C-alpha atoms as a PDB file:
ATOM      1  CA  MET A   1       0.000   0.000   0.000  1.00  0.00           C
ATOM      2  CA  ARG A   2       2.883   2.359   0.779  1.00  0.00           C
ATOM      3  CA  ILE A   3       4.308   2.032  -2.733  1.00  0.00           C
ATOM      4  CA  PHE A   4       0.879   2.753  -4.196  1.00  0.00           C
ATOM      5  CA  LEU A   5       0.498   5.802  -1.936  1.00  0.00           C
ATOM      6  CA  ARG A   6       3.949   7.119  -2.892  1.00  0.00           C
ATOM      7  CA  LEU A   7       3.148   6.777  -6.577  1.00  0.00           C
ATOM      8  CA  PHE A   8      -0.183   8.503  -6.039  1.00  0.00           C
ATOM      9  CA  ALA A   9       1.516  11.335  -4.100  1.00  0.00           C
ATOM     10  CA  ARG A  10       4.015  11.871  -6.922  1.00  0.00           C
ATOM     11  CA  PHE A  11       1.213  11.880  -9.487  1.00  0.00           C
ATOM     12  CA  LYS A  12      -0.791  14.287  -7.342  1.00  0.00           C
ATOM     13  CA  HIS A  13       2.120  16.711  -6.979  1.00  0.00           C
ATOM     14  CA  TYR A  14       2.902  16.508 -10.690  1.00  0.00           C
ATOM     15  CA  VAL A  15      -0.678  17.396 -11.627  1.00  0.00           C
ATOM     16  CA  ALA A  16      -0.785  20.169  -9.001  1.00  0.00           C
ATOM     17  CA  ARG A  17       2.438  21.685 -10.333  1.00  0.00           C
ATOM     18  CA  HIS A  18       1.642  21.459 -14.064  1.00  0.00           C
ATOM     19  CA  TRP A  19      -2.147  21.852 -14.132  1.00  0.00           C
ATOM     20  CA  PRO A  20      -3.261  23.713 -10.982  1.00  0.00           C
ATOM     21  CA  ARG A  21      -6.788  24.442 -12.239  1.00  0.00           C
ATOM     22  CA  LEU A  22      -7.356  20.788 -13.114  1.00  0.00           C
ATOM     23  CA  TYR A  23      -5.932  19.770  -9.750  1.00  0.00           C
ATOM     24  CA  ALA A  24      -8.338  22.092  -7.912  1.00  0.00           C
ATOM     25  CA  ARG A  25     -11.305  20.542  -9.724  1.00  0.00           C
ATOM     26  CA  LEU A  26     -10.110  17.000  -9.082  1.00  0.00           C
ATOM     27  CA  ALA A  27      -9.447  17.734  -5.398  1.00  0.00           C
ATOM     28  CA  ARG A  28     -13.117  18.635  -4.926  1.00  0.00           C
ATOM     29  CA  ARG A  29     -14.131  15.228  -6.287  1.00  0.00           C
ATOM     30  CA  LYS A  30     -11.523  13.231  -4.422  1.00  0.00           C
ATOM     31  CA  SER A  31     -13.529  10.061  -3.822  1.00  0.00           C
ATOM     32  CA  LEU A  32     -14.555   9.845  -7.470  1.00  0.00           C
ATOM     33  CA  VAL A  33     -10.964  10.337  -8.628  1.00  0.00           C
ATOM     34  CA  LYS A  34      -9.723   7.691  -6.200  1.00  0.00           C
ATOM     35  CA  PHE A  35     -12.518   5.357  -7.293  1.00  0.00           C
ATOM     36  CA  LEU A  36     -11.530   5.898 -10.914  1.00  0.00           C
ATOM     37  CA  MET A  37      -7.969   4.972  -9.979  1.00  0.00           C
ATOM     38  CA  SER A  38      -8.603   2.044  -7.619  1.00  0.00           C
ATOM     39  CA  GLY A  39     -11.369   0.532  -9.719  1.00  0.00           C
ATOM     40  CA  PRO A  40      -9.081   0.002 -12.708  1.00  0.00           C
ATOM     41  CA  ILE A  41      -6.480  -1.670 -10.480  1.00  0.00           C
ATOM     42  CA  ALA A  42      -9.029  -4.345  -9.570  1.00  0.00           C
ATOM     43  CA  GLY A  43     -10.286  -4.274 -13.159  1.00  0.00           C
ATOM     44  CA  ILE A  44      -6.817  -4.854 -14.615  1.00  0.00           C
ATOM     45  CA  LEU A  45      -6.375  -7.720 -12.188  1.00  0.00           C
ATOM     46  CA  ASP A  46      -9.754  -9.090 -13.292  1.00  0.00           C
ATOM     47  CA  LEU A  47      -8.973  -8.772 -17.015  1.00  0.00           C
ATOM     48  CA  GLY A  48      -5.460 -10.147 -16.574  1.00  0.00           C
ATOM     49  CA  LEU A  49      -6.702 -13.220 -14.759  1.00  0.00           C
ATOM     50  CA  LEU A  50      -9.485 -13.658 -17.318  1.00  0.00           C
ATOM     51  CA  TYR A  51      -6.925 -13.597 -20.127  1.00  0.00           C
ATOM     52  CA  ILE A  52      -4.591 -16.012 -18.331  1.00  0.00           C
ATOM     53  CA  LEU A  53      -7.378 -18.440 -17.424  1.00  0.00           C
ATOM     54  CA  HIS A  54      -9.338 -18.367 -20.673  1.00  0.00           C
ATOM     55  CA  GLY A  55      -6.793 -17.183 -23.212  1.00  0.00           C
ATOM     56  CA  LEU A  56      -3.839 -19.242 -22.051  1.00  0.00           C
ATOM     57  CA  PHE A  57      -5.289 -22.152 -20.072  1.00  0.00           C
ATOM     58  CA  GLN A  58      -8.557 -22.525 -22.056  1.00  0.00           C
ATOM     59  CA  VAL A  59     -10.777 -22.449 -18.944  1.00  0.00           C
ATOM     60  CA  PRO A  60     -14.392 -21.913 -20.127  1.00  0.00           C
ATOM     61  CA  VAL A  61     -15.173 -18.203 -20.283  1.00  0.00           C
ATOM     62  CA  LEU A  62     -17.930 -18.280 -17.652  1.00  0.00           C
ATOM     63  CA  TRP A  63     -15.678 -20.072 -15.143  1.00  0.00           C
ATOM     64  CA  ALA A  64     -12.709 -17.854 -15.962  1.00  0.00           C
ATOM     65  CA  THR A  65     -14.850 -14.738 -15.550  1.00  0.00           C
ATOM     66  CA  THR A  66     -16.150 -15.943 -12.194  1.00  0.00           C
ATOM     67  CA  ILE A  67     -12.724 -16.856 -10.800  1.00  0.00           C
ATOM     68  CA  ALA A  68     -11.163 -13.581 -11.923  1.00  0.00           C
ATOM     69  CA  TYR A  69     -14.054 -11.567 -10.480  1.00  0.00           C
ATOM     70  CA  ILE A  70     -13.838 -13.281  -7.087  1.00  0.00           C
ATOM     71  CA  PHE A  71     -10.063 -12.860  -6.868  1.00  0.00           C
ATOM     72  CA  SER A  72     -10.248  -9.144  -7.584  1.00  0.00           C
ATOM     73  CA  PHE A  73     -12.946  -8.809  -4.901  1.00  0.00           C
ATOM     74  CA  GLY A  74     -10.429  -8.711  -2.044  1.00  0.00           C
ATOM     75  CA  VAL A  75      -8.270  -6.073  -3.693  1.00  0.00           C
ATOM     76  CA  SER A  76     -11.303  -3.987  -4.509  1.00  0.00           C
ATOM     77  CA  PHE A  77     -12.773  -4.059  -0.972  1.00  0.00           C
ATOM     78  CA  TYR A  78      -9.485  -3.054   0.587  1.00  0.00           C
ATOM     79  CA  LEU A  79      -8.904  -0.145  -1.773  1.00  0.00           C
ATOM     80  CA  GLN A  80     -12.504   1.092  -1.699  1.00  0.00           C
ATOM     81  CA  LYS A  81     -12.926   0.990   2.064  1.00  0.00           C
ATOM     82  CA  PHE A  82      -9.593   2.309   3.234  1.00  0.00           C
ATOM     83  CA  TRP A  83      -8.375   4.519   0.421  1.00  0.00           C
ATOM     84  CA  THR A  84     -11.227   5.660  -1.823  1.00  0.00           C
ATOM     85  CA  PHE A  85     -13.860   6.358   0.818  1.00  0.00           C
ATOM     86  CA  CYS A  86     -11.452   6.794   3.775  1.00  0.00           C
ATOM     87  CA  ASN A  87     -13.579   4.613   5.989  1.00  0.00           C
ATOM     88  CA  TYR A  88     -11.543   3.406   8.969  1.00  0.00           C
ATOM     89  CA  ASN A  89     -14.417   2.710  11.308  1.00  0.00           C
ATOM     90  CA  ARG A  90     -13.810  -0.867  12.450  1.00  0.00           C
ATOM     91  CA  LYS A  91     -17.169  -0.979  14.241  1.00  0.00           C
ATOM     92  CA  HIS A  92     -19.103  -1.476  10.983  1.00  0.00           C
ATOM     93  CA  VAL A  93     -16.558  -3.523   9.022  1.00  0.00           C
ATOM     94  CA  HIS A  94     -18.563  -6.789   9.287  1.00  0.00           C
ATOM     95  CA  TYR A  95     -21.709  -5.072   8.051  1.00  0.00           C
ATOM     96  CA  GLN A  96     -19.777  -3.369   5.263  1.00  0.00           C
ATOM     97  CA  LEU A  97     -18.090  -6.589   4.195  1.00  0.00           C
ATOM     98  CA  LEU A  98     -21.448  -8.375   4.159  1.00  0.00           C
ATOM     99  CA  MET A  99     -23.087  -5.613   2.111  1.00  0.00           C
ATOM    100  CA  TYR A 100     -20.073  -5.458  -0.184  1.00  0.00           C
ATOM    101  CA  PHE A 101     -20.262  -9.239  -0.595  1.00  0.00           C
ATOM    102  CA  PHE A 102     -23.992  -9.153  -1.428  1.00  0.00           C
ATOM    103  CA  LEU A 103     -23.410  -6.391  -3.947  1.00  0.00           C
ATOM    104  CA  ALA A 104     -20.553  -8.456  -5.394  1.00  0.00           C
ATOM    105  CA  ILE A 105     -22.886 -11.479  -5.735  1.00  0.00           C
ATOM    106  CA  ILE A 106     -25.468  -9.315  -7.475  1.00  0.00           C
ATOM    107  CA  ASN A 107     -22.752  -7.835  -9.694  1.00  0.00           C
ATOM    108  CA  LEU A 108     -21.365 -11.308 -10.399  1.00  0.00           C
ATOM    109  CA  ASN A 109     -24.763 -12.383 -11.693  1.00  0.00           C
ATOM    110  CA  ILE A 110     -25.111  -9.208 -13.738  1.00  0.00           C
ATOM    111  CA  ASN A 111     -21.569  -9.760 -15.024  1.00  0.00           C
ATOM    112  CA  GLY A 112     -22.246 -13.354 -16.088  1.00  0.00           C
ATOM    113  CA  TYR A 113     -25.582 -12.497 -17.665  1.00  0.00           C
ATOM    114  CA  LEU A 114     -24.222  -9.554 -19.652  1.00  0.00           C
ATOM    115  CA  MET A 115     -21.131 -11.541 -20.702  1.00  0.00           C
ATOM    116  CA  TYR A 116     -23.369 -14.372 -21.920  1.00  0.00           C
ATOM    117  CA  ILE A 117     -25.560 -11.992 -23.926  1.00  0.00           C
ATOM    118  CA  LEU A 118     -22.685  -9.986 -25.407  1.00  0.00           C
ATOM    119  CA  ILE A 119     -20.636 -13.046 -26.368  1.00  0.00           C
ATOM    120  CA  ASN A 120     -23.399 -15.403 -27.536  1.00  0.00           C
ATOM    121  CA  ASN A 121     -26.007 -13.027 -28.943  1.00  0.00           C
ATOM    122  CA  TYR A 122     -23.793 -10.245 -30.289  1.00  0.00           C
ATOM    123  CA  SER A 123     -20.489 -12.109 -30.891  1.00  0.00           C
ATOM    124  CA  VAL A 124     -18.474  -9.543 -28.941  1.00  0.00           C
ATOM    125  CA  TRP A 125     -14.853 -10.539 -28.194  1.00  0.00           C
ATOM    126  CA  TYR A 126     -14.760 -11.774 -24.592  1.00  0.00           C
ATOM    127  CA  LEU A 127     -12.135  -9.262 -23.333  1.00  0.00           C
ATOM    128  CA  PHE A 128     -13.908  -6.290 -24.910  1.00  0.00           C
ATOM    129  CA  ALA A 129     -17.232  -7.545 -23.514  1.00  0.00           C
ATOM    130  CA  GLN A 130     -15.710  -7.830 -20.031  1.00  0.00           C
ATOM    131  CA  LEU A 131     -14.305  -4.311 -20.268  1.00  0.00           C
ATOM    132  CA  GLY A 132     -17.723  -2.851 -21.126  1.00  0.00           C
ATOM    133  CA  VAL A 133     -19.494  -4.884 -18.455  1.00  0.00           C
ATOM    134  CA  SER A 134     -16.900  -3.847 -15.854  1.00  0.00           C
ATOM    135  CA  ILE A 135     -17.380  -0.148 -16.617  1.00  0.00           C
ATOM    136  CA  THR A 136     -21.175  -0.479 -16.331  1.00  0.00           C
ATOM    137  CA  ILE A 137     -20.963  -2.356 -13.043  1.00  0.00           C
ATOM    138  CA  GLY A 138     -18.385   0.143 -11.763  1.00  0.00           C
ATOM    139  CA  LEU A 139     -20.694   3.107 -12.218  1.00  0.00           C
ATOM    140  CA  GLU A 140     -23.511   1.366 -10.387  1.00  0.00           C
ATOM    141  CA  SER A 141     -21.167   0.270  -7.611  1.00  0.00           C
ATOM    142  CA  TYR A 142     -19.723   3.743  -6.978  1.00  0.00           C
ATOM    143  CA  VAL A 143     -23.120   5.131  -6.108  1.00  0.00           C
ATOM    144  CA  ILE A 144     -23.931   2.248  -3.758  1.00  0.00           C
ATOM    145  CA  TYR A 145     -20.491   2.318  -2.097  1.00  0.00           C
ATOM    146  CA  LYS A 146     -20.566   6.066  -1.518  1.00  0.00           C
ATOM    147  CA  PHE A 147     -24.120   6.428  -0.259  1.00  0.00           C
ATOM    148  CA  VAL A 148     -24.859   3.056   1.325  1.00  0.00           C
ATOM    149  CA  ILE A 149     -21.918   0.808   2.207  1.00  0.00           C
ATOM    150  CA  PHE A 150     -19.126   3.297   3.023  1.00  0.00           C
ATOM    151  CA  ARG A 151     -21.220   6.354   3.807  1.00  0.00           C
ATOM    152  CA  LYS A 152     -19.682   8.781   6.228  1.00  0.00           C
ATOM    153  CA  ARG A 153     -20.828   8.452   9.802  1.00  0.00           C
ATOM    154  CA  HIS A 154     -20.222  10.858  12.643  1.00  0.00           C
ATOM    155  CA  GLY A 155     -16.556  10.851  13.655  1.00  0.00           C
ATOM    156  CA  ASP A 156     -15.134   9.189  10.532  1.00  0.00           C
ATOM    157  CA  SER A 157     -11.860  10.589   9.278  1.00  0.00           C
ATOM    158  CA  CYS A 158      -9.506   9.717   6.442  1.00  0.00           C
ATOM    159  CA  GLY A 159      -6.928   8.137   8.738  1.00  0.00           C
ATOM    160  CA  PRO A 160      -3.348   7.349   7.706  1.00  0.00           C
ATOM    161  CA  TYR A 161      -4.049   7.256   3.942  1.00  0.00           C
ATOM    162  CA  LYS A 162      -5.245  10.845   3.742  1.00  0.00           C
ATOM    163  CA  LEU A 163      -3.800  11.699   0.311  1.00  0.00           C
END
Protein backbone atom coordinates (compact mmCIF):
# COMPACT_ATOMS: atom_id res chain seq x y z
CA MET A 1 0.00 0.00 0.00
CA ARG A 2 2.88 2.36 0.78
CA ILE A 3 4.31 2.03 -2.73
CA PHE A 4 0.88 2.75 -4.20
CA LEU A 5 0.50 5.80 -1.94
CA ARG A 6 3.95 7.12 -2.89
CA LEU A 7 3.15 6.78 -6.58
CA PHE A 8 -0.18 8.50 -6.04
CA ALA A 9 1.52 11.33 -4.10
CA ARG A 10 4.01 11.87 -6.92
CA PHE A 11 1.21 11.88 -9.49
CA LYS A 12 -0.79 14.29 -7.34
CA HIS A 13 2.12 16.71 -6.98
CA TYR A 14 2.90 16.51 -10.69
CA VAL A 15 -0.68 17.40 -11.63
CA ALA A 16 -0.79 20.17 -9.00
CA ARG A 17 2.44 21.68 -10.33
CA HIS A 18 1.64 21.46 -14.06
CA TRP A 19 -2.15 21.85 -14.13
CA PRO A 20 -3.26 23.71 -10.98
CA ARG A 21 -6.79 24.44 -12.24
CA LEU A 22 -7.36 20.79 -13.11
CA TYR A 23 -5.93 19.77 -9.75
CA ALA A 24 -8.34 22.09 -7.91
CA ARG A 25 -11.31 20.54 -9.72
CA LEU A 26 -10.11 17.00 -9.08
CA ALA A 27 -9.45 17.73 -5.40
CA ARG A 28 -13.12 18.63 -4.93
CA ARG A 29 -14.13 15.23 -6.29
CA LYS A 30 -11.52 13.23 -4.42
CA SER A 31 -13.53 10.06 -3.82
CA LEU A 32 -14.55 9.84 -7.47
CA VAL A 33 -10.96 10.34 -8.63
CA LYS A 34 -9.72 7.69 -6.20
CA PHE A 35 -12.52 5.36 -7.29
CA LEU A 36 -11.53 5.90 -10.91
CA MET A 37 -7.97 4.97 -9.98
CA SER A 38 -8.60 2.04 -7.62
CA GLY A 39 -11.37 0.53 -9.72
CA PRO A 40 -9.08 0.00 -12.71
CA ILE A 41 -6.48 -1.67 -10.48
CA ALA A 42 -9.03 -4.35 -9.57
CA GLY A 43 -10.29 -4.27 -13.16
CA ILE A 44 -6.82 -4.85 -14.62
CA LEU A 45 -6.38 -7.72 -12.19
CA ASP A 46 -9.75 -9.09 -13.29
CA LEU A 47 -8.97 -8.77 -17.02
CA GLY A 48 -5.46 -10.15 -16.57
CA LEU A 49 -6.70 -13.22 -14.76
CA LEU A 50 -9.49 -13.66 -17.32
CA TYR A 51 -6.92 -13.60 -20.13
CA ILE A 52 -4.59 -16.01 -18.33
CA LEU A 53 -7.38 -18.44 -17.42
CA HIS A 54 -9.34 -18.37 -20.67
CA GLY A 55 -6.79 -17.18 -23.21
CA LEU A 56 -3.84 -19.24 -22.05
CA PHE A 57 -5.29 -22.15 -20.07
CA GLN A 58 -8.56 -22.53 -22.06
CA VAL A 59 -10.78 -22.45 -18.94
CA PRO A 60 -14.39 -21.91 -20.13
CA VAL A 61 -15.17 -18.20 -20.28
CA LEU A 62 -17.93 -18.28 -17.65
CA TRP A 63 -15.68 -20.07 -15.14
CA ALA A 64 -12.71 -17.85 -15.96
CA THR A 65 -14.85 -14.74 -15.55
CA THR A 66 -16.15 -15.94 -12.19
CA ILE A 67 -12.72 -16.86 -10.80
CA ALA A 68 -11.16 -13.58 -11.92
CA TYR A 69 -14.05 -11.57 -10.48
CA ILE A 70 -13.84 -13.28 -7.09
CA PHE A 71 -10.06 -12.86 -6.87
CA SER A 72 -10.25 -9.14 -7.58
CA PHE A 73 -12.95 -8.81 -4.90
CA GLY A 74 -10.43 -8.71 -2.04
CA VAL A 75 -8.27 -6.07 -3.69
CA SER A 76 -11.30 -3.99 -4.51
CA PHE A 77 -12.77 -4.06 -0.97
CA TYR A 78 -9.49 -3.05 0.59
CA LEU A 79 -8.90 -0.14 -1.77
CA GLN A 80 -12.50 1.09 -1.70
CA LYS A 81 -12.93 0.99 2.06
CA PHE A 82 -9.59 2.31 3.23
CA TRP A 83 -8.38 4.52 0.42
CA THR A 84 -11.23 5.66 -1.82
CA PHE A 85 -13.86 6.36 0.82
CA CYS A 86 -11.45 6.79 3.77
CA ASN A 87 -13.58 4.61 5.99
CA TYR A 88 -11.54 3.41 8.97
CA ASN A 89 -14.42 2.71 11.31
CA ARG A 90 -13.81 -0.87 12.45
CA LYS A 91 -17.17 -0.98 14.24
CA HIS A 92 -19.10 -1.48 10.98
CA VAL A 93 -16.56 -3.52 9.02
CA HIS A 94 -18.56 -6.79 9.29
CA TYR A 95 -21.71 -5.07 8.05
CA GLN A 96 -19.78 -3.37 5.26
CA LEU A 97 -18.09 -6.59 4.20
CA LEU A 98 -21.45 -8.38 4.16
CA MET A 99 -23.09 -5.61 2.11
CA TYR A 100 -20.07 -5.46 -0.18
CA PHE A 101 -20.26 -9.24 -0.59
CA PHE A 102 -23.99 -9.15 -1.43
CA LEU A 103 -23.41 -6.39 -3.95
CA ALA A 104 -20.55 -8.46 -5.39
CA ILE A 105 -22.89 -11.48 -5.73
CA ILE A 106 -25.47 -9.31 -7.48
CA ASN A 107 -22.75 -7.83 -9.69
CA LEU A 108 -21.36 -11.31 -10.40
CA ASN A 109 -24.76 -12.38 -11.69
CA ILE A 110 -25.11 -9.21 -13.74
CA ASN A 111 -21.57 -9.76 -15.02
CA GLY A 112 -22.25 -13.35 -16.09
CA TYR A 113 -25.58 -12.50 -17.66
CA LEU A 114 -24.22 -9.55 -19.65
CA MET A 115 -21.13 -11.54 -20.70
CA TYR A 116 -23.37 -14.37 -21.92
CA ILE A 117 -25.56 -11.99 -23.93
CA LEU A 118 -22.69 -9.99 -25.41
CA ILE A 119 -20.64 -13.05 -26.37
CA ASN A 120 -23.40 -15.40 -27.54
CA ASN A 121 -26.01 -13.03 -28.94
CA TYR A 122 -23.79 -10.24 -30.29
CA SER A 123 -20.49 -12.11 -30.89
CA VAL A 124 -18.47 -9.54 -28.94
CA TRP A 125 -14.85 -10.54 -28.19
CA TYR A 126 -14.76 -11.77 -24.59
CA LEU A 127 -12.13 -9.26 -23.33
CA PHE A 128 -13.91 -6.29 -24.91
CA ALA A 129 -17.23 -7.55 -23.51
CA GLN A 130 -15.71 -7.83 -20.03
CA LEU A 131 -14.30 -4.31 -20.27
CA GLY A 132 -17.72 -2.85 -21.13
CA VAL A 133 -19.49 -4.88 -18.45
CA SER A 134 -16.90 -3.85 -15.85
CA ILE A 135 -17.38 -0.15 -16.62
CA THR A 136 -21.17 -0.48 -16.33
CA ILE A 137 -20.96 -2.36 -13.04
CA GLY A 138 -18.38 0.14 -11.76
CA LEU A 139 -20.69 3.11 -12.22
CA GLU A 140 -23.51 1.37 -10.39
CA SER A 141 -21.17 0.27 -7.61
CA TYR A 142 -19.72 3.74 -6.98
CA VAL A 143 -23.12 5.13 -6.11
CA ILE A 144 -23.93 2.25 -3.76
CA TYR A 145 -20.49 2.32 -2.10
CA LYS A 146 -20.57 6.07 -1.52
CA PHE A 147 -24.12 6.43 -0.26
CA VAL A 148 -24.86 3.06 1.32
CA ILE A 149 -21.92 0.81 2.21
CA PHE A 150 -19.13 3.30 3.02
CA ARG A 151 -21.22 6.35 3.81
CA LYS A 152 -19.68 8.78 6.23
CA ARG A 153 -20.83 8.45 9.80
CA HIS A 154 -20.22 10.86 12.64
CA GLY A 155 -16.56 10.85 13.65
CA ASP A 156 -15.13 9.19 10.53
CA SER A 157 -11.86 10.59 9.28
CA CYS A 158 -9.51 9.72 6.44
CA GLY A 159 -6.93 8.14 8.74
CA PRO A 160 -3.35 7.35 7.71
CA TYR A 161 -4.05 7.26 3.94
CA LYS A 162 -5.24 10.85 3.74
CA LEU A 163 -3.80 11.70 0.31
